[in-house]
C-alpha cells in the first residue's frame, strides 16, 4: 500500500469526520451485540418453561415479550447508526475524490507542452476519472468496511471466549487459513488490476481519437476497419478483465466455505459440551452461531476490501506517476512584473526534445513596444517556434529571450501570458457558445465589446446569420464553423483581450484575400501601440509590418521592410512575385 500513502494527507484533512464515523460504527456494533445474549436467554426461558410443569405461563410470556422488544429495539438502533456511519464515511470519500480530481487537473494545467506530446489524451482522461474512482472506493467503502470488521472482531471474539473458550477456539480455527489465502490471492489481484487499468487507458485513448477524427474516418470510408480494431481491443480488454474476475471469484466461495466450517464446528463442539454438561443451555450454541453469522459478512468483505485496496493501489500508482512529473516551465518569480512589450532574442537556439529537430539556430532580433514584426519562411523554418518562446511555452536550448530587457525566465509567468493575445495556426474553439468563446480571454466583457471585437475580426455578419447568433453553441473544436470563421472568431478573442503583445500565427490562411485586407486594416489600427508578431506565408499579411524577417532552417536569411525586400533578390521577392501572379490570374 506504499502508493496509497499519498492519500494520507486527505485522511488528515477530514480526520474529524472520520473520527465521528468510527465512533458511530462502534455504537452501531455495540447495539448489534445486544441481540445474541437475549436470543440465548429466550431459548433458555423456553427450555425452562418446557421442562418445568409448574412454570408460570404469564411470567414466561412477559420474559419472552421483553426479550423480543429488546432485540427489535437494539436492531433498529443498530440499523440507524449504520445508516449514519455510511453517511459520514462515504461522504468523506466524495470529498477526497473532489480534492484529488482538482489536484490532478491543476497539475495537468501546470505541465508543459512536452508532457502532452508524450502522453495521450485518452490516458490522461482515464487517470482523472476511472483511476480516481478506484481510489475513492478505497477511501470510502473499503475504509468503512475495514473499521466495521475490526470493531466486530474486537467486540465479538472476546465475548465468544468469555462464553465458551473451547467452542470459540475451535470455531475460529479457519480464520488463519483464510488470512493466508487472502494474502496469496491479493498479490495476484494487484498485478492483474494494474494490467486492466492500463488497458482501460488504451481503450479510452482509441475511443477519444476515433471521435475526434470521425471526419477523416468517414471521408476515407474506413468505419468497418475501425470497428474491427475496436472489437479486437474490446476482446483483449474482456480477456484481461475476465482473468481478474476469475481470481476475484475465489474470494466469496472461500469465505462461505470457511464460515460454514466454523458454524459446523460450533454446533458439533457446542452439542458435545451441552451433552457433557459443560454449557448450561442450548441457547449458548445458538448465540455462538449468531456471533459466527455476524462475523460472516465482515470476514467475507475482507476479500472485497483486499481487492478494492489492490485496485486502488494500482490506480494511485498511475496517478502518482503524473503527479510526480515536474513541469519544465516553472514560475520563478511570484512578484508582479508588468509587461510593456519590448521583445529581444539574443543568440537563441532551440531543439525540440521529442523529435530532436533544431528549429532555431543562433537567432537574434529586437522589437520595440508598439512595433510590428512579420516573419516569413517555408514550412518548418521555425516561425511558430519564435511565438512559442515569446509566450514561454518552451524555454530556449541556448541564448536568451528578453521582454522589456528582462529574461522571460525571470518574469512572473502569469503576468507574461496575461499580457499576450495569441491566435494559433489551428484555431481551437471550445464546445460552448460563440459569445463565450470570444470572451475566453476577458470573461467580464460586455456583449457590446464582444460584438465590436467580432466586427473588427470581420465575423460579425456571419454570426448574425446564425439562428441563435452569438448564443450559437459550437460543436467540439468548433466543427460547426468553417475554417475561416474559426480563425476569425479566434482573432476576435485576441482583440477583445486587448493585450500588450499580439502573436498571430498564420491565422489568416483560411480567409479570402478581400476579407484578409479588411482584417489587416483593423489589426493595424488596434495594434498601433501594441507589440505585434505576425507569422504568415502571405506577403500581403507582412507588407505593412515595421520589419520583416525571412527564416530558412532556423536562420535569418533576409530582413528589412517590404519595399527593401522586394527590391532585393531573394526568397521574399520570389514569393511576392509568385503571389502577385496568382492574384492577377
Protein backbone atom coordinates (compact mmCIF):
# COMPACT_ATOMS: atom_id res chain seq x y z
CA UNK A 1 0.00 0.00 0.00
CA UNK A 2 3.00 2.32 -0.30
CA UNK A 3 1.49 4.22 -3.26
CA UNK A 4 -1.67 4.90 -1.22
CA UNK A 5 0.38 6.81 1.36
CA UNK A 6 -0.20 9.82 -0.88
CA UNK A 7 -3.87 9.80 0.20
CA UNK A 8 -2.98 10.09 3.90
CA UNK A 9 -2.95 13.89 3.67
CA UNK A 10 -6.65 13.79 2.81
CA UNK A 11 -7.36 11.48 5.75
CA UNK A 12 -5.66 14.07 7.97
CA UNK A 13 -7.75 16.82 6.38
CA UNK A 14 -11.00 15.03 7.16
CA UNK A 15 -9.88 13.31 10.38
CA UNK A 16 -12.75 14.89 12.31
CA UNK A 17 -15.42 13.35 10.08
CA UNK A 18 -13.58 10.01 10.04
CA UNK A 19 -13.34 10.02 13.86
CA UNK A 20 -17.08 10.67 14.13
CA UNK A 21 -17.66 7.84 11.65
CA UNK A 22 -15.53 5.46 13.75
CA UNK A 23 -17.45 6.37 16.93
CA UNK A 24 -20.77 5.84 15.17
CA UNK A 25 -19.51 2.49 13.83
CA UNK A 26 -18.60 1.34 17.33
CA UNK A 27 -22.01 2.43 18.67
CA UNK A 28 -23.79 0.59 15.82
CA UNK A 29 -21.86 -2.60 16.53
CA UNK A 30 -22.46 -2.37 20.30
CA UNK A 31 -26.21 -2.22 19.72
CA UNK A 32 -25.98 -5.20 17.36
CA UNK A 33 -24.22 -7.20 20.11
CA UNK A 34 -27.20 -6.87 22.46
CA UNK A 35 -29.28 -9.25 20.33
CA UNK A 36 -27.37 -12.62 20.67
CA UNK A 37 -27.46 -12.84 24.50
CA UNK A 38 -31.18 -12.12 24.50
CA UNK A 39 -31.71 -14.86 21.93
CA UNK A 40 -29.82 -17.18 24.27
CA UNK A 41 -31.93 -16.01 27.21
CA UNK A 42 -35.13 -16.56 25.23
CA UNK A 43 -34.11 -20.12 24.32
CA UNK A 44 -33.17 -20.75 27.96
CA UNK A 45 -36.58 -19.45 29.04
CA UNK A 46 -38.29 -21.78 26.57
CA UNK A 47 -36.21 -24.71 27.85
CA UNK A 48 -37.13 -23.88 31.43
CA UNK A 49 -40.81 -23.48 30.60
CA UNK A 50 -40.95 -26.83 28.75
CA UNK A 51 -39.04 -28.70 31.44
CA UNK A 52 -40.93 -27.24 34.43
CA UNK A 53 -44.59 -28.31 34.61
CA UNK A 54 -45.29 -25.70 37.30
CA UNK A 55 -43.81 -22.79 35.32
CA UNK A 56 -45.83 -19.57 35.26
CA UNK A 57 -47.02 -19.04 31.67
CA UNK A 58 -47.72 -15.35 32.23
CA UNK A 59 -44.20 -14.77 33.57
CA UNK A 60 -42.75 -16.78 30.66
CA UNK A 61 -44.75 -14.73 28.14
CA UNK A 62 -43.62 -11.48 29.79
CA UNK A 63 -39.95 -12.52 29.70
CA UNK A 64 -40.21 -13.64 26.06
CA UNK A 65 -42.03 -10.45 25.00
CA UNK A 66 -39.47 -8.28 26.82
CA UNK A 67 -36.60 -10.10 25.11
CA UNK A 68 -38.24 -9.73 21.67
CA UNK A 69 -38.79 -5.99 22.21
CA UNK A 70 -35.15 -5.54 23.28
CA UNK A 71 -33.96 -7.48 20.22
CA UNK A 72 -36.14 -5.43 17.83
CA UNK A 73 -35.26 -2.12 19.52
CA UNK A 74 -31.49 -2.66 19.53
CA UNK A 75 -31.62 -3.96 15.94
CA UNK A 76 -33.41 -0.80 14.81
CA UNK A 77 -30.92 1.38 16.67
CA UNK A 78 -28.03 -0.57 15.15
CA UNK A 79 -29.55 -0.06 11.68
CA UNK A 80 -29.99 3.68 12.33
CA UNK A 81 -26.38 4.16 13.43
CA UNK A 82 -25.19 2.02 10.50
CA UNK A 83 -27.01 4.46 8.22
CA UNK A 84 -25.24 7.39 9.92
CA UNK A 85 -21.93 5.53 9.56
CA UNK A 86 -22.41 5.24 5.82
CA UNK A 87 -23.44 8.87 5.52
CA UNK A 88 -20.34 10.01 7.41
CA UNK A 89 -17.57 7.83 5.99
CA UNK A 90 -18.85 7.53 2.40
CA UNK A 91 -19.20 11.33 2.27
CA UNK A 92 -15.51 11.62 3.17
CA UNK A 93 -14.66 9.54 0.10
CA UNK A 94 -16.57 12.00 -2.09
CA UNK A 95 -14.64 14.91 -0.56
CA UNK A 96 -11.38 13.09 -1.25
CA UNK A 97 -12.48 12.36 -4.82
CA UNK A 98 -13.29 16.07 -5.31
CA UNK A 99 -9.94 17.21 -3.91
CA UNK A 100 -7.91 14.61 -5.80
CA UNK A 101 -9.55 15.40 -9.15
CA UNK A 102 -8.95 19.11 -8.63
CA UNK A 103 -5.32 18.45 -7.68
CA UNK A 104 -4.73 16.29 -10.76
CA UNK A 105 -6.44 18.78 -13.08
CA UNK A 106 -4.48 21.71 -11.64
CA UNK A 107 -1.27 19.71 -12.13
CA UNK A 108 -2.25 18.92 -15.72
CA UNK A 109 -2.61 22.67 -16.33
CA UNK A 110 0.86 23.35 -14.94
CA UNK A 111 2.59 20.69 -17.02
CA UNK A 112 4.49 21.79 -20.12
CA UNK A 113 3.66 21.12 -23.77
CA UNK A 114 6.30 18.38 -23.97
CA UNK A 115 4.29 16.39 -21.45
CA UNK A 116 1.23 16.43 -23.71
CA UNK A 117 3.29 15.43 -26.70
CA UNK A 118 4.46 12.33 -24.85
CA UNK A 119 1.08 11.33 -23.33
CA UNK A 120 -2.23 10.58 -24.97
CA UNK A 121 -5.45 12.39 -24.15
CA UNK A 122 -7.45 9.20 -23.51
CA UNK A 123 -4.90 8.03 -20.95
CA UNK A 124 -4.98 11.40 -19.16
CA UNK A 125 -8.78 11.29 -19.04
CA UNK A 126 -8.81 7.74 -17.69
CA UNK A 127 -6.45 8.63 -14.86
CA UNK A 128 -8.56 11.55 -13.68
CA UNK A 129 -11.81 9.58 -13.95
CA UNK A 130 -11.54 5.78 -13.66
CA UNK A 131 -8.34 5.73 -11.58
CA UNK A 132 -9.63 8.39 -9.18
CA UNK A 133 -12.88 6.43 -8.81
CA UNK A 134 -10.90 3.33 -7.78
CA UNK A 135 -9.08 5.41 -5.17
CA UNK A 136 -12.41 6.77 -3.93
CA UNK A 137 -13.62 3.21 -3.30
CA UNK A 138 -10.59 2.76 -1.06
CA UNK A 139 -11.11 6.00 0.89
CA UNK A 140 -14.84 5.30 1.40
CA UNK A 141 -16.33 1.78 1.31
CA UNK A 142 -13.03 -0.02 1.92
CA UNK A 143 -12.22 2.12 4.97
CA UNK A 144 -15.79 1.84 6.26
CA UNK A 145 -15.91 -1.95 5.98
CA UNK A 146 -12.42 -2.25 7.47
CA UNK A 147 -13.45 -0.23 10.54
CA UNK A 148 -16.66 -2.24 10.80
CA UNK A 149 -14.80 -5.55 10.55
CA UNK A 150 -12.13 -4.53 13.06
CA UNK A 151 -14.77 -3.29 15.53
CA UNK A 152 -16.75 -6.51 15.26
CA UNK A 153 -13.70 -8.69 15.78
CA UNK A 154 -12.57 -6.67 18.79
CA UNK A 155 -16.05 -6.91 20.32
CA UNK A 156 -17.25 -10.36 19.27
CA UNK A 157 -14.15 -12.56 19.70
CA UNK A 158 -13.61 -11.68 23.41
CA UNK A 159 -17.31 -12.33 24.09
CA UNK A 160 -17.06 -15.72 22.39
CA UNK A 161 -14.08 -16.70 24.55
CA UNK A 162 -15.88 -15.44 27.65
CA UNK A 163 -18.96 -17.54 26.91
CA UNK A 164 -17.08 -20.71 25.96
CA UNK A 165 -13.30 -20.72 25.37
CA UNK A 166 -13.34 -24.22 23.87
CA UNK A 167 -16.14 -23.52 21.40
CA UNK A 168 -14.58 -20.15 20.47
CA UNK A 169 -11.16 -21.69 19.88
CA UNK A 170 -12.46 -24.41 17.57
CA UNK A 171 -14.85 -22.04 15.74
CA UNK A 172 -12.08 -19.56 14.90
CA UNK A 173 -9.58 -22.15 13.61
CA UNK A 174 -10.47 -21.47 9.91
CA UNK A 175 -9.61 -17.73 10.20
CA UNK A 176 -5.78 -18.08 9.97
CA UNK A 177 -6.25 -20.26 6.89
CA UNK A 178 -8.47 -17.53 5.46
CA UNK A 179 -5.85 -14.81 6.05
CA UNK A 180 -3.16 -16.81 4.22
CA UNK A 181 -5.46 -17.40 1.24
CA UNK A 182 -6.34 -13.70 1.13
CA UNK A 183 -2.66 -12.74 1.10
CA UNK A 184 -1.90 -15.12 -1.78
CA UNK A 185 -4.87 -14.12 -3.91
CA UNK A 186 -4.48 -10.36 -3.27
CA UNK A 187 -0.97 -10.39 -4.76
CA UNK A 188 -2.35 -11.86 -7.98
CA UNK A 189 -5.22 -9.35 -7.98
CA UNK A 190 -2.78 -6.44 -7.67
CA UNK A 191 -0.87 -7.49 -10.79
CA UNK A 192 -3.99 -8.14 -12.83
CA UNK A 193 -5.66 -4.88 -11.66
CA UNK A 194 -2.69 -2.89 -12.93
CA UNK A 195 -2.97 -4.55 -16.34
CA UNK A 196 -6.73 -3.89 -16.52
CA UNK A 197 -6.35 -0.20 -15.60
CA UNK A 198 -3.62 0.28 -18.19
CA UNK A 199 -5.78 -1.38 -20.82
CA UNK A 200 -8.74 0.87 -19.96
CA UNK A 201 -6.48 3.83 -20.77
CA UNK A 202 -5.66 2.28 -24.15
CA UNK A 203 -9.36 1.80 -24.89
CA UNK A 204 -10.19 5.36 -23.78
CA UNK A 205 -7.43 6.74 -25.99
CA UNK A 206 -8.65 4.78 -29.01
CA UNK A 207 -12.24 5.96 -28.46
CA UNK A 208 -11.24 9.59 -27.96
CA UNK A 209 -9.09 9.65 -31.10
CA UNK A 210 -11.86 7.98 -33.10
CA UNK A 211 -14.43 10.59 -32.05
CA UNK A 212 -12.01 13.46 -32.68
CA UNK A 213 -11.06 12.10 -36.11
CA UNK A 214 -14.55 10.98 -37.17
CA UNK A 215 -14.46 13.32 -40.18
CA UNK A 216 -11.35 11.63 -41.57
CA UNK A 217 -12.73 8.17 -40.81
CA UNK A 218 -15.94 8.89 -42.69
CA UNK A 219 -14.14 10.64 -45.54
CA UNK A 220 -11.94 7.59 -46.12
CA UNK A 221 -14.81 5.17 -45.56
CA UNK A 222 -12.85 3.07 -43.05
CA UNK A 223 -15.62 2.60 -40.45
CA UNK A 224 -15.53 -1.23 -40.82
CA UNK A 225 -11.79 -1.28 -40.20
CA UNK A 226 -12.13 0.95 -37.12
CA UNK A 227 -14.94 -1.30 -35.86
CA UNK A 228 -12.73 -4.35 -36.25
CA UNK A 229 -9.90 -2.63 -34.37
CA UNK A 230 -12.29 -1.65 -31.57
CA UNK A 231 -13.68 -5.19 -31.41
CA UNK A 232 -10.15 -6.53 -31.11
CA UNK A 233 -9.30 -4.05 -28.34
CA UNK A 234 -12.57 -4.80 -26.55
CA UNK A 235 -11.95 -8.54 -26.84
CA UNK A 236 -8.46 -8.19 -25.37
CA UNK A 237 -9.86 -5.96 -22.62
CA UNK A 238 -12.57 -8.51 -21.87
CA UNK A 239 -9.98 -11.28 -21.61
CA UNK A 240 -7.88 -9.27 -19.16
CA UNK A 241 -10.96 -8.32 -17.10
CA UNK A 242 -12.13 -11.93 -17.06
CA UNK A 243 -8.71 -13.07 -15.86
CA UNK A 244 -9.07 -10.62 -12.97
CA UNK A 245 -12.67 -11.67 -12.33
CA UNK A 246 -11.68 -15.36 -12.18
CA UNK A 247 -9.20 -14.64 -9.41
CA UNK A 248 -11.63 -12.37 -7.54
CA UNK A 249 -14.32 -15.08 -7.87
CA UNK A 250 -12.36 -17.29 -5.48
CA UNK A 251 -12.95 -14.96 -2.56
CA UNK A 252 -16.65 -15.35 -1.80
CA UNK A 253 -16.82 -19.17 -2.13
CA UNK A 254 -13.78 -19.48 0.13
CA UNK A 255 -15.39 -17.15 2.68
CA UNK A 256 -18.70 -19.04 2.65
CA UNK A 257 -16.91 -22.39 2.88
CA UNK A 258 -14.79 -21.36 5.86
CA UNK A 259 -17.71 -19.71 7.65
CA UNK A 260 -19.77 -22.84 7.04
CA UNK A 261 -16.99 -24.93 8.54
CA UNK A 262 -16.88 -22.60 11.57
CA UNK A 263 -20.64 -22.95 12.10
CA UNK A 264 -20.46 -26.74 11.78
CA UNK A 265 -17.61 -26.87 14.30
CA UNK A 266 -19.57 -24.64 16.68
CA UNK A 267 -22.63 -26.92 16.50
CA UNK A 268 -20.56 -30.09 16.94
CA UNK A 269 -18.34 -28.83 19.78
CA UNK A 270 -21.23 -26.99 21.44
CA UNK A 271 -23.51 -30.01 21.21
CA UNK A 272 -20.85 -32.21 22.76
CA UNK A 273 -20.28 -29.70 25.58
CA UNK A 274 -24.02 -29.50 26.22
CA UNK A 275 -24.24 -33.30 26.45
CA UNK A 276 -21.24 -33.33 28.79
CA UNK A 277 -22.80 -30.58 30.88
CA UNK A 278 -20.04 -28.03 30.22
CA UNK A 279 -22.58 -25.47 28.99
CA UNK A 280 -25.93 -24.99 30.68
CA UNK A 281 -28.24 -24.33 27.72
CA UNK A 282 -28.66 -24.92 24.00
CA UNK A 283 -29.11 -21.16 23.77
CA UNK A 284 -25.33 -20.77 24.07
CA UNK A 285 -24.90 -22.76 20.84
CA UNK A 286 -27.49 -20.56 19.12
CA UNK A 287 -25.71 -17.48 20.47
CA UNK A 288 -22.41 -18.73 19.03
CA UNK A 289 -23.99 -19.39 15.62
CA UNK A 290 -25.30 -15.81 15.64
CA UNK A 291 -21.83 -14.49 16.52
CA UNK A 292 -20.32 -16.53 13.68
CA UNK A 293 -23.04 -15.21 11.34
CA UNK A 294 -22.23 -11.69 12.47
CA UNK A 295 -18.60 -12.34 11.52
CA UNK A 296 -19.61 -13.88 8.19
CA UNK A 297 -20.13 -10.60 6.33
CA UNK A 298 -17.05 -8.84 7.78
CA UNK A 299 -14.87 -11.86 7.02
CA UNK A 300 -16.40 -12.18 3.54
CA UNK A 301 -15.94 -8.49 2.91
CA UNK A 302 -12.23 -8.81 3.71
CA UNK A 303 -11.86 -10.28 0.23
CA UNK A 304 -13.72 -7.39 -1.36
CA UNK A 305 -11.75 -4.85 0.67
CA UNK A 306 -8.48 -6.53 -0.30
CA UNK A 307 -9.45 -6.48 -3.96
CA UNK A 308 -10.53 -2.82 -3.70
CA UNK A 309 -7.30 -1.81 -1.98
CA UNK A 310 -5.24 -3.59 -4.65
CA UNK A 311 -7.17 -1.83 -7.42
CA UNK A 312 -6.74 1.50 -5.65
CA UNK A 313 -3.03 0.82 -5.20
CA UNK A 314 -2.64 0.15 -8.93
CA UNK A 315 -4.65 3.28 -9.82
CA UNK A 316 -2.87 5.55 -7.34
CA UNK A 317 0.47 4.37 -8.70
CA UNK A 318 -0.60 5.54 -12.17
CA UNK A 319 -1.81 8.84 -10.70
CA UNK A 320 1.42 9.34 -8.75
CA UNK A 321 3.43 8.91 -11.96
CA UNK A 322 1.72 12.04 -13.29
CA UNK A 323 1.70 13.99 -10.05
CA UNK A 324 5.41 13.28 -9.79
CA UNK A 325 6.05 14.89 -13.19
CA UNK A 326 7.75 18.25 -12.72
CA UNK A 327 6.68 21.00 -15.17
CA UNK A 328 9.61 22.04 -17.35
CA UNK A 329 8.30 25.62 -17.37
CA UNK A 330 8.46 26.94 -13.81
CA UNK A 331 7.31 30.30 -12.50
CA UNK A 332 10.48 31.57 -10.82
CA UNK A 333 9.04 34.96 -9.83
CA UNK A 334 5.88 35.24 -7.74
CA UNK A 335 6.05 39.07 -7.64
CA UNK A 336 4.09 41.13 -10.21
CA UNK A 337 6.08 42.01 -13.33
CA UNK A 338 4.16 44.38 -15.65
CA UNK A 339 4.88 43.88 -19.36
CA UNK A 340 5.30 46.84 -21.74
CA UNK A 341 6.10 44.88 -24.88
CA UNK A 342 9.77 45.15 -25.87
CA UNK A 343 10.98 41.79 -27.23
CA UNK A 344 14.56 40.72 -27.86
CA UNK A 345 16.09 37.43 -28.98
CA UNK A 346 19.81 37.06 -28.20
CA UNK A 347 21.56 34.21 -29.98
CA UNK A 348 18.59 31.91 -29.43
CA UNK A 349 18.77 28.26 -30.44
CA UNK A 350 16.06 25.71 -29.79
CA UNK A 351 15.80 21.95 -30.30
CA UNK A 352 12.58 20.02 -29.77
CA UNK A 353 13.15 17.37 -27.14
CA UNK A 354 10.64 14.87 -28.51
CA UNK A 355 11.91 14.89 -32.12
CA UNK A 356 15.47 16.19 -31.81
CA UNK A 357 14.77 18.73 -34.57
CA UNK A 358 16.64 22.02 -34.23
CA UNK A 359 14.07 24.71 -35.08
CA UNK A 360 16.15 27.85 -34.40
CA UNK A 361 19.89 28.43 -34.76
CA UNK A 362 21.57 31.42 -33.12
CA UNK A 363 18.63 33.75 -33.84
CA UNK A 364 18.82 37.43 -32.81
CA UNK A 365 16.45 40.35 -33.32
CA UNK A 366 14.92 43.21 -31.34
CA UNK A 367 11.37 44.58 -31.38
CA UNK A 368 10.40 47.80 -29.56
CA UNK A 369 6.99 48.37 -27.90
CA UNK A 370 4.35 49.30 -30.46
CA UNK A 371 6.26 47.83 -33.44
CA UNK A 372 5.09 45.07 -35.76
CA UNK A 373 7.34 42.24 -36.90
CA UNK A 374 6.36 39.88 -39.70
CA UNK A 375 8.05 36.50 -40.07
CA UNK A 376 8.08 34.76 -43.45
CA UNK A 377 9.53 31.40 -44.34
CA UNK A 378 8.95 27.91 -45.62
CA UNK A 379 7.14 25.25 -43.60
CA UNK A 380 9.40 24.01 -40.81
CA UNK A 381 11.66 27.06 -40.85
CA UNK A 382 10.98 27.83 -37.14
CA UNK A 383 8.40 30.62 -37.43
CA UNK A 384 5.88 29.23 -34.92
CA UNK A 385 8.71 28.31 -32.52
CA UNK A 386 9.51 32.02 -32.11
CA UNK A 387 5.96 32.67 -30.89
CA UNK A 388 6.11 29.70 -28.51
CA UNK A 389 9.34 31.05 -26.99
CA UNK A 390 7.86 34.56 -26.56
CA UNK A 391 4.89 33.07 -24.67
CA UNK A 392 7.34 30.82 -22.82
CA UNK A 393 5.58 27.63 -23.78
CA UNK A 394 9.15 26.33 -24.09
CA UNK A 395 12.49 27.54 -22.75
CA UNK A 396 15.41 28.09 -25.10
CA UNK A 397 18.10 25.44 -25.57
CA UNK A 398 20.67 28.25 -25.59
CA UNK A 399 20.62 32.03 -25.77
CA UNK A 400 18.05 34.34 -24.16
CA UNK A 401 14.59 35.71 -24.86
CA UNK A 402 14.07 39.06 -23.13
CA UNK A 403 10.88 41.01 -22.53
CA UNK A 404 11.45 44.64 -21.51
CA UNK A 405 15.17 43.84 -21.15
CA UNK A 406 14.39 41.09 -18.60
CA UNK A 407 14.88 37.38 -19.35
CA UNK A 408 11.44 35.74 -19.70
CA UNK A 409 12.52 33.16 -17.11
CA UNK A 410 12.72 35.99 -14.54
CA UNK A 411 9.23 37.32 -15.30
CA UNK A 412 6.09 36.30 -13.46
CA UNK A 413 4.75 33.63 -15.80
CA UNK A 414 1.10 34.58 -15.23
CA UNK A 415 1.79 38.27 -15.90
CA UNK A 416 3.68 37.39 -19.09
CA UNK A 417 0.91 35.25 -20.53
CA UNK A 418 -1.83 37.64 -19.41
CA UNK A 419 -0.05 40.32 -21.45
CA UNK A 420 -0.22 38.18 -24.62
CA UNK A 421 -3.08 37.69 -27.07
CA UNK A 422 -2.25 34.65 -29.20
CA UNK A 423 -4.03 33.29 -32.27
CA UNK A 424 -2.59 29.84 -33.11
CA UNK A 425 -2.20 28.37 -36.56
CA UNK A 426 -5.03 25.91 -35.87
CA UNK A 427 -7.74 27.92 -34.12
CA UNK A 428 -9.14 25.99 -31.15
CA UNK A 429 -12.71 26.72 -30.09
CA UNK A 430 -14.47 25.17 -27.13
CA UNK A 431 -17.82 23.37 -27.13
CA UNK A 432 -19.59 26.49 -25.91
CA UNK A 433 -21.42 29.48 -27.36
CA UNK A 434 -19.67 31.79 -29.82
CA UNK A 435 -20.01 34.60 -27.30
CA UNK A 436 -18.26 32.65 -24.54
CA UNK A 437 -15.52 31.58 -26.96
CA UNK A 438 -14.81 35.22 -27.79
CA UNK A 439 -14.97 36.19 -24.09
CA UNK A 440 -12.48 33.45 -23.20
CA UNK A 441 -9.62 35.90 -22.66
CA UNK A 442 -11.83 38.51 -20.95
CA UNK A 443 -14.76 36.86 -19.13
CA UNK A 444 -16.08 40.16 -17.77
CA UNK A 445 -16.53 41.70 -21.25
CA UNK A 446 -19.93 43.14 -22.15
CA UNK A 447 -21.99 41.91 -25.10
CA UNK A 448 -21.23 45.14 -26.96
CA UNK A 449 -17.49 44.62 -26.52
CA UNK A 450 -17.89 41.08 -27.88
CA UNK A 451 -19.76 42.34 -30.96
CA UNK A 452 -17.19 45.09 -31.51
CA UNK A 453 -14.34 42.54 -31.45
CA UNK A 454 -16.26 40.33 -33.89
CA UNK A 455 -16.75 43.29 -36.25
CA UNK A 456 -13.03 44.03 -36.24
CA UNK A 457 -12.38 40.36 -36.98
CA UNK A 458 -14.88 40.52 -39.86
CA UNK A 459 -17.00 37.70 -38.44
CA UNK A 460 -19.94 39.67 -37.02
CA UNK A 461 -22.03 39.41 -40.20
CA UNK A 462 -21.53 35.65 -40.35
CA UNK A 463 -22.62 35.26 -36.73
CA UNK A 464 -25.72 37.39 -37.33
CA UNK A 465 -26.91 34.87 -39.93
CA UNK A 466 -26.95 32.01 -37.40
CA UNK A 467 -30.32 31.19 -35.83
CA UNK A 468 -29.11 31.86 -32.29
CA UNK A 469 -26.44 34.37 -33.37
CA UNK A 470 -23.86 34.84 -30.57
CA UNK A 471 -25.58 32.21 -28.42
CA UNK A 472 -24.96 29.53 -31.05
CA UNK A 473 -23.31 26.55 -29.35
CA UNK A 474 -20.36 25.20 -31.30
CA UNK A 475 -19.55 21.53 -31.74
CA UNK A 476 -16.36 20.04 -30.41
CA UNK A 477 -13.35 22.04 -31.65
CA UNK A 478 -15.75 24.44 -33.40
CA UNK A 479 -16.60 21.99 -36.19
CA UNK A 480 -19.90 23.77 -36.90
CA UNK A 481 -17.91 26.71 -38.31
CA UNK A 482 -15.86 26.90 -41.47
CA UNK A 483 -12.08 27.15 -41.26
CA UNK A 484 -12.13 30.88 -41.99
CA UNK A 485 -14.89 31.52 -39.44
CA UNK A 486 -12.98 29.66 -36.75
CA UNK A 487 -9.87 31.73 -37.44
CA UNK A 488 -11.82 34.97 -37.26
CA UNK A 489 -13.54 34.01 -34.01
CA UNK A 490 -10.07 33.26 -32.59
CA UNK A 491 -8.86 36.66 -33.79
CA UNK A 492 -11.87 38.32 -32.14
CA UNK A 493 -10.96 36.54 -28.91
CA UNK A 494 -7.42 38.02 -29.02
CA UNK A 495 -8.67 41.50 -29.94
CA UNK A 496 -11.18 41.53 -27.08
CA UNK A 497 -8.43 40.71 -24.58
CA UNK A 498 -6.57 43.90 -25.61
CA UNK A 499 -3.11 42.65 -24.51
CA UNK A 500 0.28 44.34 -24.72
CA UNK A 501 1.63 41.77 -27.18
CA UNK A 502 -0.18 40.17 -30.15
CA UNK A 503 1.04 36.87 -31.60
CA UNK A 504 -0.63 35.88 -34.88
CA UNK A 505 0.47 32.50 -36.23
CA UNK A 506 -0.64 32.28 -39.86
CA UNK A 507 -4.16 32.97 -38.61
CA UNK A 508 -5.50 34.25 -41.96
CA UNK A 509 -4.58 31.23 -44.07
CA UNK A 510 -8.25 30.14 -44.43
CA UNK A 511 -9.53 33.66 -45.18
CA UNK A 512 -10.01 35.03 -48.69
CA UNK A 513 -7.85 37.95 -49.85
CA UNK A 514 -10.58 40.57 -49.61
CA UNK A 515 -11.53 39.64 -46.05
CA UNK A 516 -7.83 39.41 -45.17
CA UNK A 517 -7.26 43.01 -46.24
CA UNK A 518 -10.19 44.22 -44.12
CA UNK A 519 -8.96 42.33 -41.06
CA UNK A 520 -5.41 43.61 -41.55
CA UNK A 521 -6.67 47.20 -41.60
CA UNK A 522 -8.46 46.62 -38.30
CA UNK A 523 -5.39 44.93 -36.85
CA UNK A 524 -3.20 47.82 -37.93
CA UNK A 525 -5.46 50.24 -36.02
CA UNK A 526 -5.76 48.23 -32.80
CA UNK A 527 -2.08 47.26 -32.75
CA UNK A 528 -0.69 50.71 -33.41
CA UNK A 529 0.52 50.93 -29.80
CA UNK A 530 0.91 47.19 -29.28
CA UNK A 531 3.86 44.93 -29.99
CA UNK A 532 2.80 42.53 -32.73
CA UNK A 533 4.42 39.50 -34.33
CA UNK A 534 2.73 38.11 -37.45
CA UNK A 535 3.75 34.74 -38.84
CA UNK A 536 2.49 34.18 -42.37
CA UNK A 537 3.03 32.54 -45.72
CA UNK A 538 1.44 35.52 -47.44
CA UNK A 539 3.30 38.69 -48.36
CA UNK A 540 0.01 40.57 -48.09
CA UNK A 541 -0.09 39.89 -44.34
CA UNK A 542 3.51 41.07 -43.87
CA UNK A 543 3.88 44.09 -46.11
CA UNK A 544 2.65 46.70 -43.56
CA UNK A 545 4.96 45.47 -40.80
CA UNK A 546 7.69 47.75 -39.46
CA UNK A 547 10.17 44.96 -40.11
CA UNK A 548 10.12 41.62 -41.88
CA UNK A 549 12.49 38.74 -41.30
CA UNK A 550 12.74 35.71 -43.59
CA UNK A 551 13.65 32.39 -41.97
CA UNK A 552 15.14 29.29 -43.53
CA UNK A 553 16.07 26.25 -41.43
CA UNK A 554 16.01 28.32 -38.24
CA UNK A 555 18.26 31.11 -39.52
CA UNK A 556 17.53 34.66 -40.74
CA UNK A 557 18.37 34.84 -44.44
CA UNK A 558 16.74 38.23 -45.12
CA UNK A 559 15.36 41.14 -43.11
CA UNK A 560 14.11 44.63 -43.76
CA UNK A 561 10.93 46.46 -44.75
CA UNK A 562 8.59 45.31 -47.51
CA UNK A 563 10.00 47.85 -50.01
CA UNK A 564 13.58 46.92 -49.20
CA UNK A 565 12.95 43.19 -49.62
CA UNK A 566 11.02 43.35 -52.90
CA UNK A 567 13.88 45.33 -54.38
CA UNK A 568 16.45 42.74 -53.34
CA UNK A 569 16.96 39.36 -54.92
CA UNK A 570 15.97 36.50 -52.67
CA UNK A 571 13.20 34.38 -51.22
CA UNK A 572 10.89 37.28 -50.29
CA UNK A 573 10.92 38.86 -53.77
CA UNK A 574 10.30 35.49 -55.42
CA UNK A 575 7.41 34.80 -53.03
CA UNK A 576 5.96 38.27 -53.68
CA UNK A 577 6.10 37.86 -57.45
CA UNK A 578 4.55 34.37 -57.37
CA UNK A 579 1.69 35.50 -55.14
CA UNK A 580 1.19 38.63 -57.22
CA UNK A 581 0.87 36.47 -60.34
CA UNK A 582 -1.67 34.22 -58.61
CA UNK A 583 -3.72 37.24 -57.57
CA UNK A 584 -3.72 38.65 -61.08
CA UNK A 585 -4.73 35.30 -62.54
